[in-house]
């Protein structure tokens, strides 16, 4: 009976050793997978930060271009307004030359 008990204890010990070895192997595989995922995540972050910086840079350049266009449009508007005012002043002076201040017609058409 003693021999039978020793065999059962030995079998249980071997089973414990085998299960512990399997557990260590699974832990090692899991650790390697975790490290690989961490590296991939860091690469992913770096790539996305780089692409975000590129997009941000392009956006800021486009913003500067738009600001320059707005300045050019504003200058053109001022130029058009100045030319229009000059033409109006010329027309007013021509009208005042043709008609005097006493509402008498100065020139026949």
PDB file of N, CA and C in Angstrom:
ATOM      1  N   UNK A   1       0.813  -1.181   0.000  1.00  0.00           N
ATOM      2  CA  UNK A   1       0.000   0.000   0.000  1.00  0.00           C
ATOM      3  C   UNK A   1       0.861   1.251   0.000  1.00  0.00           C
ATOM      4  N   UNK A   2       1.972   1.152   0.696  1.00  0.00           N
ATOM      5  CA  UNK A   2       2.881   2.263   0.762  1.00  0.00           C
ATOM      6  C   UNK A   2       3.468   2.584  -0.608  1.00  0.00           C
ATOM      7  N   UNK A   3       3.756   1.557  -1.354  1.00  0.00           N
ATOM      8  CA  UNK A   3       4.299   1.742  -2.683  1.00  0.00           C
ATOM      9  C   UNK A   3       3.277   2.433  -3.578  1.00  0.00           C
ATOM     10  N   UNK A   4       2.059   2.052  -3.455  1.00  0.00           N
ATOM     11  CA  UNK A   4       0.978   2.670  -4.242  1.00  0.00           C
ATOM     12  C   UNK A   4       0.866   4.159  -3.888  1.00  0.00           C
ATOM     13  N   UNK A   5       0.946   4.505  -2.636  1.00  0.00           N
ATOM     14  CA  UNK A   5       0.857   5.889  -2.200  1.00  0.00           C
ATOM     15  C   UNK A   5       2.048   6.678  -2.720  1.00  0.00           C
ATOM     16  N   UNK A   6       3.247   6.101  -2.688  1.00  0.00           N
ATOM     17  CA  UNK A   6       4.434   6.778  -3.200  1.00  0.00           C
ATOM     18  C   UNK A   6       4.289   7.014  -4.697  1.00  0.00           C
ATOM     19  N   UNK A   7       3.750   6.025  -5.435  1.00  0.00           N
ATOM     20  CA  UNK A   7       3.550   6.185  -6.883  1.00  0.00           C
ATOM     21  C   UNK A   7       2.561   7.316  -7.168  1.00  0.00           C
ATOM     22  N   UNK A   8       1.509   7.412  -6.385  1.00  0.00           N
ATOM     23  CA  UNK A   8       0.522   8.485  -6.587  1.00  0.00           C
ATOM     24  C   UNK A   8       1.158   9.836  -6.286  1.00  0.00           C
ATOM     25  N   UNK A   9       1.924   9.929  -5.211  1.00  0.00           N
ATOM     26  CA  UNK A   9       2.592  11.188  -4.866  1.00  0.00           C
ATOM     27  C   UNK A   9       3.603  11.554  -5.950  1.00  0.00           C
ATOM     28  N   UNK A  10       4.332  10.587  -6.466  1.00  0.00           N
ATOM     29  CA  UNK A  10       5.312  10.832  -7.526  1.00  0.00           C
ATOM     30  C   UNK A  10       4.595  11.307  -8.794  1.00  0.00           C
ATOM     31  N   UNK A  11       3.476  10.691  -9.119  1.00  0.00           N
ATOM     32  CA  UNK A  11       2.710  11.088 -10.308  1.00  0.00           C
ATOM     33  C   UNK A  11       2.191  12.518 -10.138  1.00  0.00           C
ATOM     34  N   UNK A  12       1.693  12.820  -8.934  1.00  0.00           N
ATOM     35  CA  UNK A  12       1.196  14.174  -8.671  1.00  0.00           C
ATOM     36  C   UNK A  12       2.354  15.165  -8.765  1.00  0.00           C
ATOM     37  N   UNK A  13       3.540  14.792  -8.221  1.00  0.00           N
ATOM     38  CA  UNK A  13       4.705  15.672  -8.316  1.00  0.00           C
ATOM     39  C   UNK A  13       5.107  15.901  -9.774  1.00  0.00           C
ATOM     40  N   UNK A  14       5.121  14.858 -10.566  1.00  0.00           N
ATOM     41  CA  UNK A  14       5.471  14.988 -11.985  1.00  0.00           C
ATOM     42  C   UNK A  14       4.447  15.861 -12.716  1.00  0.00           C
ATOM     43  N   UNK A  15       3.192  15.667 -12.368  1.00  0.00           N
ATOM     44  CA  UNK A  15       2.143  16.482 -12.974  1.00  0.00           C
ATOM     45  C   UNK A  15       2.326  17.950 -12.606  1.00  0.00           C
ATOM     46  N   UNK A  16       2.683  18.217 -11.341  1.00  0.00           N
ATOM     47  CA  UNK A  16       2.924  19.591 -10.895  1.00  0.00           C
ATOM     48  C   UNK A  16       4.117  20.172 -11.652  1.00  0.00           C
ATOM     49  N   UNK A  17       5.215  19.402 -11.805  1.00  0.00           N
ATOM     50  CA  UNK A  17       6.403  19.877 -12.516  1.00  0.00           C
ATOM     51  C   UNK A  17       6.058  20.152 -13.985  1.00  0.00           C
ATOM     52  N   UNK A  18       5.322  19.264 -14.628  1.00  0.00           N
ATOM     53  CA  UNK A  18       4.934  19.447 -16.033  1.00  0.00           C
ATOM     54  C   UNK A  18       4.028  20.675 -16.183  1.00  0.00           C
ATOM     55  N   UNK A  19       3.032  20.813 -15.290  1.00  0.00           N
ATOM     56  CA  UNK A  19       2.150  21.971 -15.352  1.00  0.00           C
ATOM     57  C   UNK A  19       2.919  23.276 -15.111  1.00  0.00           C
ATOM     58  N   UNK A  20       3.905  23.239 -14.186  1.00  0.00           N
ATOM     59  CA  UNK A  20       4.711  24.422 -13.928  1.00  0.00           C
ATOM     60  C   UNK A  20       5.555  24.778 -15.152  1.00  0.00           C
ATOM     61  N   UNK A  21       6.104  23.785 -15.832  1.00  0.00           N
ATOM     62  CA  UNK A  21       6.887  24.009 -17.043  1.00  0.00           C
ATOM     63  C   UNK A  21       5.999  24.595 -18.143  1.00  0.00           C
ATOM     64  N   UNK A  22       4.793  24.067 -18.289  1.00  0.00           N
ATOM     65  CA  UNK A  22       3.853  24.596 -19.276  1.00  0.00           C
ATOM     66  C   UNK A  22       3.482  26.038 -18.929  1.00  0.00           C
ATOM     67  N   UNK A  23       3.254  26.283 -17.636  1.00  0.00           N
ATOM     68  CA  UNK A  23       2.923  27.641 -17.203  1.00  0.00           C
ATOM     69  C   UNK A  23       4.061  28.609 -17.522  1.00  0.00           C
ATOM     70  N   UNK A  24       5.312  28.196 -17.237  1.00  0.00           N
ATOM     71  CA  UNK A  24       6.456  29.058 -17.543  1.00  0.00           C
ATOM     72  C   UNK A  24       6.562  29.326 -19.036  1.00  0.00           C
ATOM     73  N   UNK A  25       6.335  28.308 -19.852  1.00  0.00           N
ATOM     74  CA  UNK A  25       6.396  28.464 -21.317  1.00  0.00           C
ATOM     75  C   UNK A  25       5.306  29.450 -21.788  1.00  0.00           C
ATOM     76  N   UNK A  26       4.101  29.303 -21.281  1.00  0.00           N
ATOM     77  CA  UNK A  26       3.006  30.201 -21.650  1.00  0.00           C
ATOM     78  C   UNK A  26       3.314  31.624 -21.188  1.00  0.00           C
ATOM     79  N   UNK A  27       3.895  31.764 -19.999  1.00  0.00           N
ATOM     80  CA  UNK A  27       4.247  33.085 -19.486  1.00  0.00           C
ATOM     81  C   UNK A  27       5.304  33.734 -20.378  1.00  0.00           C
ATOM     82  N   UNK A  28       6.298  32.938 -20.826  1.00  0.00           N
ATOM     83  CA  UNK A  28       7.337  33.470 -21.698  1.00  0.00           C
ATOM     84  C   UNK A  28       6.749  33.909 -23.043  1.00  0.00           C
ATOM     85  N   UNK A  29       5.880  33.115 -23.623  1.00  0.00           N
ATOM     86  CA  UNK A  29       5.232  33.455 -24.892  1.00  0.00           C
ATOM     87  C   UNK A  29       4.390  34.718 -24.737  1.00  0.00           C
ATOM     88  N   UNK A  30       3.646  34.796 -23.638  1.00  0.00           N
ATOM     89  CA  UNK A  30       2.803  35.967 -23.379  1.00  0.00           C
ATOM     90  C   UNK A  30       3.658  37.219 -23.212  1.00  0.00           C
ATOM     91  N   UNK A  31       4.778  37.091 -22.520  1.00  0.00           N
ATOM     92  CA  UNK A  31       5.680  38.226 -22.333  1.00  0.00           C
ATOM     93  C   UNK A  31       6.224  38.703 -23.682  1.00  0.00           C
ATOM     94  N   UNK A  32       6.642  37.764 -24.539  1.00  0.00           N
ATOM     95  CA  UNK A  32       7.155  38.133 -25.866  1.00  0.00           C
ATOM     96  C   UNK A  32       6.075  38.823 -26.706  1.00  0.00           C
ATOM     97  N   UNK A  33       4.861  38.289 -26.646  1.00  0.00           N
ATOM     98  CA  UNK A  33       3.761  38.912 -27.386  1.00  0.00           C
ATOM     99  C   UNK A  33       3.491  40.328 -26.869  1.00  0.00           C
ATOM    100  N   UNK A  34       3.546  40.487 -25.550  1.00  0.00           N
ATOM    101  CA  UNK A  34       3.323  41.800 -24.954  1.00  0.00           C
ATOM    102  C   UNK A  34       4.403  42.784 -25.400  1.00  0.00           C
ATOM    103  N   UNK A  35       5.653  42.375 -25.418  1.00  0.00           N
ATOM    104  CA  UNK A  35       6.740  43.247 -25.856  1.00  0.00           C
ATOM    105  C   UNK A  35       6.578  43.617 -27.336  1.00  0.00           C
ATOM    106  N   UNK A  36       6.186  42.636 -28.140  1.00  0.00           N
ATOM    107  CA  UNK A  36       5.966  42.903 -29.562  1.00  0.00           C
ATOM    108  C   UNK A  36       4.834  43.909 -29.753  1.00  0.00           C
ATOM    109  N   UNK A  37       3.748  43.728 -29.033  1.00  0.00           N
ATOM    110  CA  UNK A  37       2.631  44.666 -29.131  1.00  0.00           C
ATOM    111  C   UNK A  37       3.022  46.054 -28.652  1.00  0.00           C
ATOM    112  N   UNK A  38       3.842  46.130 -27.602  1.00  0.00           N
ATOM    113  CA  UNK A  38       4.309  47.433 -27.111  1.00  0.00           C
ATOM    114  C   UNK A  38       5.133  48.147 -28.182  1.00  0.00           C
ATOM    115  N   UNK A  39       6.041  47.411 -28.851  1.00  0.00           N
ATOM    116  CA  UNK A  39       6.851  48.014 -29.919  1.00  0.00           C
ATOM    117  C   UNK A  39       5.966  48.475 -31.073  1.00  0.00           C
ATOM    118  N   UNK A  40       5.008  47.643 -31.457  1.00  0.00           N
ATOM    119  CA  UNK A  40       4.104  48.015 -32.546  1.00  0.00           C
ATOM    120  C   UNK A  40       3.279  49.244 -32.184  1.00  0.00           C
ATOM    121  N   UNK A  41       2.843  49.308 -30.924  1.00  0.00           N
ATOM    122  CA  UNK A  41       2.078  50.467 -30.472  1.00  0.00           C
ATOM    123  C   UNK A  41       2.928  51.732 -30.506  1.00  0.00           C
ATOM    124  N   UNK A  42       4.177  51.644 -30.074  1.00  0.00           N
ATOM    125  CA  UNK A  42       5.073  52.798 -30.115  1.00  0.00           C
ATOM    126  C   UNK A  42       5.320  53.240 -31.562  1.00  0.00           C
ATOM    127  N   UNK A  43       5.530  52.278 -32.460  1.00  0.00           N
ATOM    128  CA  UNK A  43       5.718  52.620 -33.879  1.00  0.00           C
ATOM    129  C   UNK A  43       4.471  53.287 -34.443  1.00  0.00           C
ATOM    130  N   UNK A  44       3.319  52.738 -34.071  1.00  0.00           N
ATOM    131  CA  UNK A  44       2.041  53.307 -34.531  1.00  0.00           C
ATOM    132  C   UNK A  44       1.891  54.751 -34.054  1.00  0.00           C
ATOM    133  N   UNK A  45       2.210  54.985 -32.764  1.00  0.00           N
ATOM    134  CA  UNK A  45       2.137  56.342 -32.210  1.00  0.00           C
ATOM    135  C   UNK A  45       3.074  57.285 -32.954  1.00  0.00           C
ATOM    136  N   UNK A  46       4.321  56.839 -33.169  1.00  0.00           N
ATOM    137  CA  UNK A  46       5.294  57.681 -33.864  1.00  0.00           C
ATOM    138  C   UNK A  46       4.827  58.016 -35.282  1.00  0.00           C
ATOM    139  N   UNK A  47       4.321  57.012 -35.994  1.00  0.00           N
ATOM    140  CA  UNK A  47       3.842  57.249 -37.357  1.00  0.00           C
ATOM    141  C   UNK A  47       2.692  58.240 -37.374  1.00  0.00           C
ATOM    142  N   UNK A  48       1.759  58.071 -36.462  1.00  0.00           N
ATOM    143  CA  UNK A  48       0.599  58.967 -36.438  1.00  0.00           C
ATOM    144  C   UNK A  48       0.974  60.368 -35.969  1.00  0.00           C
ATOM    145  N   UNK A  49       1.885  60.476 -35.028  1.00  0.00           N
ATOM    146  CA  UNK A  49       2.351  61.802 -34.616  1.00  0.00           C
ATOM    147  C   UNK A  49       3.080  62.494 -35.761  1.00  0.00           C
ATOM    148  N   UNK A  50       3.878  61.728 -36.503  1.00  0.00           N
ATOM    149  CA  UNK A  50       4.588  62.297 -37.648  1.00  0.00           C
ATOM    150  C   UNK A  50       3.603  62.762 -38.722  1.00  0.00           C
ATOM    151  N   UNK A  51       2.619  61.937 -39.026  1.00  0.00           N
ATOM    152  CA  UNK A  51       1.635  62.330 -40.040  1.00  0.00           C
ATOM    153  C   UNK A  51       0.774  63.490 -39.545  1.00  0.00           C
ATOM    154  N   UNK A  52       0.465  63.523 -38.251  1.00  0.00           N
ATOM    155  CA  UNK A  52      -0.292  64.649 -37.697  1.00  0.00           C
ATOM    156  C   UNK A  52       0.514  65.934 -37.806  1.00  0.00           C
ATOM    157  N   UNK A  53       1.815  65.855 -37.509  1.00  0.00           N
ATOM    158  CA  UNK A  53       2.674  67.034 -37.628  1.00  0.00           C
ATOM    159  C   UNK A  53       2.743  67.505 -39.076  1.00  0.00           C
ATOM    160  N   UNK A  54       2.792  66.566 -40.014  1.00  0.00           N
ATOM    161  CA  UNK A  54       2.824  66.919 -41.434  1.00  0.00           C
ATOM    162  C   UNK A  54       1.536  67.623 -41.832  1.00  0.00           C
ATOM    163  N   UNK A  55       0.410  67.074 -41.410  1.00  0.00           N
ATOM    164  CA  UNK A  55      -0.881  67.692 -41.730  1.00  0.00           C
ATOM    165  C   UNK A  55      -0.983  69.071 -41.084  1.00  0.00           C
ATOM    166  N   UNK A  56      -0.534  69.187 -39.863  1.00  0.00           N
ATOM    167  CA  UNK A  56      -0.561  70.476 -39.166  1.00  0.00           C
ATOM    168  C   UNK A  56       0.316  71.498 -39.886  1.00  0.00           C
ATOM    169  N   UNK A  57       1.475  71.067 -40.348  1.00  0.00           N
ATOM    170  CA  UNK A  57       2.371  71.956 -41.081  1.00  0.00           C
ATOM    171  C   UNK A  57       1.733  72.410 -42.392  1.00  0.00           C
ATOM    172  N   UNK A  58       1.132  71.467 -43.124  1.00  0.00           N
ATOM    173  CA  UNK A  58       0.464  71.829 -44.377  1.00  0.00           C
ATOM    174  C   UNK A  58      -0.699  72.776 -44.117  1.00  0.00           C
ATOM    175  N   UNK A  59      -1.436  72.531 -43.038  1.00  0.00           N
ATOM    176  CA  UNK A  59      -2.571  73.392 -42.706  1.00  0.00           C
ATOM    177  C   UNK A  59      -2.105  74.800 -42.381  1.00  0.00           C
ATOM    178  N   UNK A  60      -1.005  74.906 -41.628  1.00  0.00           N
ATOM    179  CA  UNK A  60      -0.506  76.241 -41.294  1.00  0.00           C
ATOM    180  C   UNK A  60      -0.005  76.959 -42.537  1.00  0.00           C
ATOM    181  N   UNK A  61       0.623  76.232 -43.468  1.00  0.00           N
ATOM    182  CA  UNK A  61       1.066  76.846 -44.724  1.00  0.00           C
ATOM    183  C   UNK A  61      -0.129  77.320 -45.540  1.00  0.00           C
ATOM    184  N   UNK A  62      -1.185  76.496 -45.597  1.00  0.00           N
ATOM    185  CA  UNK A  62      -2.389  76.890 -46.320  1.00  0.00           C
ATOM    186  C   UNK A  62      -3.031  78.115 -45.671  1.00  0.00           C
ATOM    187  N   UNK A  63      -2.985  78.162 -44.351  1.00  0.00           N
ATOM    188  CA  UNK A  63      -3.542  79.309 -43.626  1.00  0.00           C
ATOM    189  C   UNK A  63      -2.792  80.584 -44.001  1.00  0.00           C
ATOM    190  N   UNK A  64      -1.465  80.482 -44.095  1.00  0.00           N
ATOM    191  CA  UNK A  64      -0.663  81.642 -44.486  1.00  0.00           C
ATOM    192  C   UNK A  64      -0.978  82.068 -45.921  1.00  0.00           C
ATOM    193  N   UNK A  65      -1.164  81.098 -46.800  1.00  0.00           N
ATOM    194  CA  UNK A  65      -1.511  81.406 -48.195  1.00  0.00           C
ATOM    195  C   UNK A  65      -2.863  82.102 -48.254  1.00  0.00           C
ATOM    196  N   UNK A  66      -3.815  81.605 -47.486  1.00  0.00           N
ATOM    197  CA  UNK A  66      -5.149  82.216 -47.460  1.00  0.00           C
ATOM    198  C   UNK A  66      -5.071  83.634 -46.919  1.00  0.00           C
ATOM    199  N   UNK A  67      -4.277  83.839 -45.866  1.00  0.00           N
ATOM    200  CA  UNK A  67      -4.105  85.192 -45.323  1.00  0.00           C
ATOM    201  C   UNK A  67      -3.519  86.129 -46.378  1.00  0.00           C
ATOM    202  N   UNK A  68      -2.554  85.638 -47.146  1.00  0.00           N
ATOM    203  CA  UNK A  68      -1.951  86.461 -48.199  1.00  0.00           C
ATOM    204  C   UNK A  68      -2.983  86.809 -49.271  1.00  0.00           C
ATOM    205  N   UNK A  69      -3.805  85.821 -49.646  1.00  0.00           N
ATOM    206  CA  UNK A  69      -4.869  86.088 -50.622  1.00  0.00           C
ATOM    207  C   UNK A  69      -5.856  87.118 -50.079  1.00  0.00           C
ATOM    208  N   UNK A  70      -6.190  87.001 -48.800  1.00  0.00           N
ATOM    209  CA  UNK A  70      -7.106  87.972 -48.198  1.00  0.00           C
ATOM    210  C   UNK A  70      -6.516  89.376 -48.241  1.00  0.00           C
ATOM    211  N   UNK A  71      -5.211  89.491 -47.980  1.00  0.00           N
ATOM    212  CA  UNK A  71      -4.565  90.800 -48.052  1.00  0.00           C
ATOM    213  C   UNK A  71      -4.613  91.347 -49.473  1.00  0.00           C
ATOM    214  N   UNK A  72      -4.340  90.471 -50.457  1.00  0.00           N
ATOM    215  CA  UNK A  72      -4.372  90.918 -51.851  1.00  0.00           C
ATOM    216  C   UNK A  72      -5.772  91.353 -52.256  1.00  0.00           C
ATOM    217  N   UNK A  73      -6.774  90.621 -51.821  1.00  0.00           N
ATOM    218  CA  UNK A  73      -8.164  90.987 -52.132  1.00  0.00           C
ATOM    219  C   UNK A  73      -8.518  92.317 -51.482  1.00  0.00           C
ATOM    220  N   UNK A  74      -8.079  92.514 -50.242  1.00  0.00           N
ATOM    221  CA  UNK A  74      -8.357  93.769 -49.546  1.00  0.00           C
ATOM    222  C   UNK A  74      -7.702  94.939 -50.276  1.00  0.00           C
ATOM    223  N   UNK A  75      -6.455  94.748 -50.721  1.00  0.00           N
ATOM    224  CA  UNK A  75      -5.778  95.806 -51.476  1.00  0.00           C
ATOM    225  C   UNK A  75      -6.500  96.108 -52.786  1.00  0.00           C
ATOM    226  N   UNK A  76      -6.939  95.073 -53.482  1.00  0.00           N
ATOM    227  CA  UNK A  76      -7.681  95.277 -54.730  1.00  0.00           C
ATOM    228  C   UNK A  76      -8.992  96.012 -54.462  1.00  0.00           C
ATOM    229  N   UNK A  77      -9.669  95.639 -53.384  1.00  0.00           N
ATOM    230  CA  UNK A  77     -10.917  96.327 -53.030  1.00  0.00           C
ATOM    231  C   UNK A  77     -10.667  97.805 -52.761  1.00  0.00           C
ATOM    232  N   UNK A  78      -9.597  98.106 -52.020  1.00  0.00           N
ATOM    233  CA  UNK A  78      -9.269  99.502 -51.738  1.00  0.00           C
ATOM    234  C   UNK A  78      -8.945 100.244 -53.031  1.00  0.00           C
ATOM    235  N   UNK A  79      -8.226  99.560 -53.927  1.00  0.00           N
ATOM    236  CA  UNK A  79      -7.874 100.180 -55.204  1.00  0.00           C
ATOM    237  C   UNK A  79      -9.125 100.463 -56.033  1.00  0.00           C
ATOM    238  N   UNK A  80     -10.039  99.513 -56.076  1.00  0.00           N
ATOM    239  CA  UNK A  80     -11.286  99.701 -56.827  1.00  0.00           C
ATOM    240  C   UNK A  80     -12.097 100.844 -56.223  1.00  0.00           C
ATOM    241  N   UNK A  81     -12.176 100.883 -54.898  1.00  0.00           N
ATOM    242  CA  UNK A  81     -12.924 101.963 -54.234  1.00  0.00           C
ATOM    243  C   UNK A  81     -12.275 103.311 -54.527  1.00  0.00           C
ATOM    244  N   UNK A  82     -10.943 103.371 -54.485  1.00  0.00           N
ATOM    245  CA  UNK A  82     -10.243 104.621 -54.779  1.00  0.00           C
ATOM    246  C   UNK A  82     -10.526 105.062 -56.215  1.00  0.00           C
ATOM    247  N   UNK A  83     -10.434 104.126 -57.168  1.00  0.00           N
ATOM    248  CA  UNK A  83     -10.695 104.472 -58.566  1.00  0.00           C
ATOM    249  C   UNK A  83     -12.147 104.901 -58.770  1.00  0.00           C
ATOM    250  N   UNK A  84     -13.060 104.213 -58.104  1.00  0.00           N
ATOM    251  CA  UNK A  84     -14.476 104.580 -58.218  1.00  0.00           C
ATOM    252  C   UNK A  84     -14.709 105.971 -57.654  1.00  0.00           C
ATOM    253  N   UNK A  85     -14.134 106.268 -56.507  1.00  0.00           N
ATOM    254  CA  UNK A  85     -14.271 107.611 -55.919  1.00  0.00           C
ATOM    255  C   UNK A  85     -13.674 108.672 -56.838  1.00  0.00           C
ATOM    256  N   UNK A  86     -12.538 108.381 -57.452  1.00  0.00           N
ATOM    257  CA  UNK A  86     -11.918 109.340 -58.365  1.00  0.00           C
ATOM    258  C   UNK A  86     -12.829 109.590 -59.559  1.00  0.00           C
ATOM    259  N   UNK A  87     -13.433 108.541 -60.098  1.00  0.00           N
ATOM    260  CA  UNK A  87     -14.350 108.704 -61.237  1.00  0.00           C
ATOM    261  C   UNK A  87     -15.589 109.500 -60.834  1.00  0.00           C
ATOM    262  N   UNK A  88     -16.075 109.234 -59.654  1.00  0.00           N
ATOM    263  CA  UNK A  88     -17.246 109.983 -59.171  1.00  0.00           C
ATOM    264  C   UNK A  88     -16.891 111.456 -59.024  1.00  0.00           C
ATOM    265  N   UNK A  89     -15.708 111.729 -58.464  1.00  0.00           N
ATOM    266  CA  UNK A  89     -15.285 113.120 -58.319  1.00  0.00           C
ATOM    267  C   UNK A  89     -15.135 113.805 -59.675  1.00  0.00           C
ATOM    268  N   UNK A  90     -14.598 113.087 -60.648  1.00  0.00           N
ATOM    269  CA  UNK A  90     -14.476 113.654 -61.993  1.00  0.00           C
ATOM    270  C   UNK A  90     -15.847 113.953 -62.581  1.00  0.00           C
ATOM    271  N   UNK A  91     -16.774 113.018 -62.401  1.00  0.00           N
ATOM    272  CA  UNK A  91     -18.125 113.206 -62.916  1.00  0.00           C
ATOM    273  C   UNK A  91     -18.809 114.383 -62.223  1.00  0.00           C
ATOM    274  N   UNK A  92     -18.643 114.491 -60.912  1.00  0.00           N
ATOM    275  CA  UNK A  92     -19.236 115.615 -60.186  1.00  0.00           C
ATOM    276  C   UNK A  92     -18.663 116.941 -60.659  1.00  0.00           C
ATOM    277  N   UNK A  93     -17.351 116.999 -60.874  1.00  0.00           N
ATOM    278  CA  UNK A  93     -16.768 118.260 -61.332  1.00  0.00           C
ATOM    279  C   UNK A  93     -17.244 118.596 -62.739  1.00  0.00           C
ATOM    280  N   UNK A  94     -17.420 117.604 -63.582  1.00  0.00           N
ATOM    281  CA  UNK A  94     -17.943 117.851 -64.927  1.00  0.00           C
ATOM    282  C   UNK A  94     -19.378 118.356 -64.851  1.00  0.00           C
ATOM    283  N   UNK A  95     -20.167 117.753 -63.976  1.00  0.00           N
ATOM    284  CA  UNK A  95     -21.558 118.201 -63.826  1.00  0.00           C
ATOM    285  C   UNK A  95     -21.587 119.635 -63.308  1.00  0.00           C
ATOM    286  N   UNK A  96     -20.736 119.956 -62.315  1.00  0.00           N
ATOM    287  CA  UNK A  96     -20.717 121.319 -61.768  1.00  0.00           C
ATOM    288  C   UNK A  96     -20.192 122.328 -62.785  1.00  0.00           C
ATOM    289  N   UNK A  97     -19.339 121.909 -63.707  1.00  0.00           N
ATOM    290  CA  UNK A  97     -18.880 122.809 -64.768  1.00  0.00           C
ATOM    291  C   UNK A  97     -20.008 123.098 -65.749  1.00  0.00           C
ATOM    292  N   UNK A  98     -20.765 122.036 -66.066  1.00  0.00           N
ATOM    293  CA  UNK A  98     -21.841 122.182 -67.049  1.00  0.00           C
ATOM    294  C   UNK A  98     -23.032 122.928 -66.475  1.00  0.00           C
ATOM    295  N   UNK A  99     -23.277 122.817 -65.207  1.00  0.00           N
ATOM    296  CA  UNK A  99     -24.407 123.499 -64.573  1.00  0.00           C
ATOM    297  C   UNK A  99     -23.861 124.359 -63.455  1.00  0.00           C
ATOM    298  N   UNK A 100     -24.215 125.611 -63.482  1.00  0.00           N
ATOM    299  CA  UNK A 100     -23.681 126.473 -62.435  1.00  0.00           C
ATOM    300  C   UNK A 100     -24.508 126.366 -61.167  1.00  0.00           C
ATOM    301  N   UNK A 101     -24.062 127.029 -60.147  1.00  0.00           N
ATOM    302  CA  UNK A 101     -24.676 126.918 -58.834  1.00  0.00           C
ATOM    303  C   UNK A 101     -26.052 127.584 -58.765  1.00  0.00           C
ATOM    304  N   UNK A 102     -26.381 128.470 -59.720  1.00  0.00           N
ATOM    305  CA  UNK A 102     -27.671 129.171 -59.687  1.00  0.00           C
ATOM    306  C   UNK A 102     -28.735 128.443 -60.494  1.00  0.00           C
ATOM    307  N   UNK A 103     -28.486 127.209 -60.799  1.00  0.00           N
ATOM    308  CA  UNK A 103     -29.400 126.346 -61.536  1.00  0.00           C
ATOM    309  C   UNK A 103     -29.698 126.873 -62.932  1.00  0.00           C
ATOM    310  N   UNK A 104     -28.760 127.507 -63.485  1.00  0.00           N
ATOM    311  CA  UNK A 104     -28.883 127.927 -64.865  1.00  0.00           C
ATOM    312  C   UNK A 104     -28.021 127.000 -65.704  1.00  0.00           C
ATOM    313  N   UNK A 105     -28.563 126.625 -66.786  1.00  0.00           N
ATOM    314  CA  UNK A 105     -27.844 125.690 -67.622  1.00  0.00           C
ATOM    315  C   UNK A 105     -26.687 126.415 -68.274  1.00  0.00           C
ATOM    316  N   UNK A 106     -25.508 125.927 -68.109  1.00  0.00           N
ATOM    317  CA  UNK A 106     -24.321 126.582 -68.609  1.00  0.00           C
ATOM    318  C   UNK A 106     -23.982 126.199 -70.029  1.00  0.00           C
ATOM    319  N   UNK A 107     -24.383 125.079 -70.462  1.00  0.00           N
ATOM    320  CA  UNK A 107     -23.982 124.635 -71.795  1.00  0.00           C
ATOM    321  C   UNK A 107     -25.137 123.888 -72.440  1.00  0.00           C
ATOM    322  N   UNK A 108     -25.319 124.061 -73.727  1.00  0.00           N
ATOM    323  CA  UNK A 108     -26.397 123.374 -74.449  1.00  0.00           C
ATOM    324  C   UNK A 108     -25.902 121.997 -74.912  1.00  0.00           C
ATOM    325  N   UNK A 109     -26.789 121.060 -74.775  1.00  0.00           N
ATOM    326  CA  UNK A 109     -26.433 119.710 -75.233  1.00  0.00           C
ATOM    327  C   UNK A 109     -27.100 119.402 -76.517  1.00  0.00           C
TER     328      UNK A 109
END
